[in-house]
Each structure stands twice: as structure tokens, then as C-alpha cells.
Amino acid sequence: MEQPDYFIGIAQQALWILSLAAAPILIPALLAGLVLGMIQAATSINEATLSFVPKLIVVAICLALFGGAILMLIADFTQDIFARIPELTR
């Protein structure tokens, strides 16, 4: 087994897991910010808490809905990495 290719594969897998874990939180927050920004632009209300609090609520709801799946995804990846350690010591 060639070590550089192995570690590049691990890094690619880690980036994919990271994007899968972050997407269920970041995409709804982005959409909420976009909608709230359009509402603020249309009504000329420039209050900072008006955009912060709803985005915070959206992120909290997304964490409540998808938090378990995200944790399982990261835990499975971690177990896979630890299971591969004996291959590296040969």
C-alpha cells in the first residue's frame, strides 16, 4: 500500500463527511438569511436582531432535526479511521 495515496483518500473522505455534516445546518441558515435580507430591503428595517434571531432559531431547529444523523455520520467515520490503524502499522 502506498502511504501518500492512502492519506489523500482519507483526506478526501474527511472533506466529504464534513460537507455532508455541515450542509443540513448551513443551507437552511443561508436561505433564512436570504429571505430575511429581502424582507429587510423591502421594508427598509435595518435592525441587526431581526436577522440574527430568526437565523439562530433556524439553526437550532436544524440541529434538533439532523443532529443525531450528523453525529452518527461523524461517529461512523471515526470508527472507520480507527479500524484502519492496524493496516498502517504493517
Protein backbone atom coordinates (compact mmCIF):
# COMPACT_ATOMS: atom_id res chain seq x y z
CA MET A 1 0.00 0.00 0.00
CA GLU A 2 1.32 3.42 -0.93
CA GLN A 3 1.05 5.80 2.01
CA PRO A 4 0.52 9.11 0.12
CA ASP A 5 -2.42 7.76 -1.88
CA TYR A 6 -3.92 6.27 1.25
CA PHE A 7 -3.79 9.55 3.15
CA ILE A 8 -5.12 11.53 0.19
CA GLY A 9 -8.09 9.16 0.10
CA ILE A 10 -8.64 9.67 3.83
CA ALA A 11 -8.47 13.45 3.39
CA GLN A 12 -10.99 13.32 0.52
CA GLN A 13 -13.32 11.18 2.59
CA ALA A 14 -12.96 13.58 5.55
CA LEU A 15 -13.85 16.58 3.36
CA TRP A 16 -16.90 14.74 2.01
CA ILE A 17 -18.05 13.85 5.54
CA LEU A 18 -17.50 17.47 6.58
CA SER A 19 -19.64 18.78 3.74
CA LEU A 20 -22.39 16.24 4.49
CA ALA A 21 -22.34 17.21 8.16
CA ALA A 22 -22.38 20.97 7.54
CA ALA A 23 -24.94 21.14 4.72
CA PRO A 24 -28.10 20.43 6.80
CA ILE A 25 -27.23 23.41 9.01
CA LEU A 26 -25.66 25.88 6.59
CA ILE A 27 -28.14 25.64 3.71
CA PRO A 28 -31.26 26.48 5.79
CA ALA A 29 -29.34 29.28 7.54
CA LEU A 30 -28.33 30.67 4.15
CA LEU A 31 -31.90 30.52 2.86
CA ALA A 32 -33.25 32.15 6.02
CA GLY A 33 -30.67 34.93 5.74
CA LEU A 34 -31.57 35.47 2.09
CA VAL A 35 -35.30 35.70 2.81
CA LEU A 36 -34.78 37.95 5.81
CA GLY A 37 -32.41 40.16 3.82
CA MET A 38 -35.03 40.58 1.09
CA ILE A 39 -37.68 41.42 3.68
CA GLN A 40 -35.37 43.96 5.33
CA ALA A 41 -34.56 45.53 1.97
CA ALA A 42 -38.23 45.75 1.03
CA THR A 43 -39.31 47.28 4.33
CA SER A 44 -36.15 49.35 5.00
CA ILE A 45 -35.90 47.92 8.50
CA ASN A 46 -32.22 47.66 9.41
CA GLU A 47 -32.32 46.01 12.81
CA ALA A 48 -29.49 43.55 13.50
CA THR A 49 -31.52 41.33 15.81
CA LEU A 50 -34.21 40.98 13.15
CA SER A 51 -31.82 38.93 11.02
CA PHE A 52 -29.84 37.24 13.82
CA VAL A 53 -32.60 35.75 15.97
CA PRO A 54 -34.56 34.00 13.18
CA LYS A 55 -31.34 32.51 11.76
CA LEU A 56 -30.42 31.31 15.24
CA ILE A 57 -33.84 29.68 15.56
CA VAL A 58 -33.48 28.02 12.14
CA VAL A 59 -30.05 26.64 13.07
CA ALA A 60 -31.38 25.34 16.40
CA ILE A 61 -34.29 23.59 14.67
CA CYS A 62 -31.95 22.06 12.09
CA LEU A 63 -29.63 20.83 14.84
CA ALA A 64 -32.58 19.30 16.65
CA LEU A 65 -33.77 17.57 13.47
CA PHE A 66 -30.46 16.50 11.94
CA GLY A 67 -28.10 16.46 14.93
CA GLY A 68 -28.42 12.73 15.55
CA ALA A 69 -27.77 11.88 11.91
CA ILE A 70 -24.76 14.20 11.82
CA LEU A 71 -23.33 12.65 14.98
CA MET A 72 -23.83 9.13 13.59
CA LEU A 73 -22.10 10.13 10.34
CA ILE A 74 -19.09 11.51 12.21
CA ALA A 75 -19.01 8.55 14.63
CA ASP A 76 -19.05 6.04 11.75
CA PHE A 77 -16.22 7.90 10.04
CA THR A 78 -14.19 7.95 13.26
CA GLN A 79 -14.74 4.23 13.82
CA ASP A 80 -13.67 3.56 10.24
CA ILE A 81 -10.49 5.58 10.73
CA PHE A 82 -9.64 3.74 13.95
CA ALA A 83 -10.35 0.40 12.29
CA ARG A 84 -7.80 1.26 9.57
CA ILE A 85 -4.95 1.93 12.04
CA PRO A 86 -3.68 -1.70 12.05
CA GLU A 87 -3.28 -1.53 8.25
CA LEU A 88 -0.84 1.35 8.68
CA THR A 89 1.39 -0.46 11.16
CA ARG A 90 2.15 -3.39 8.84
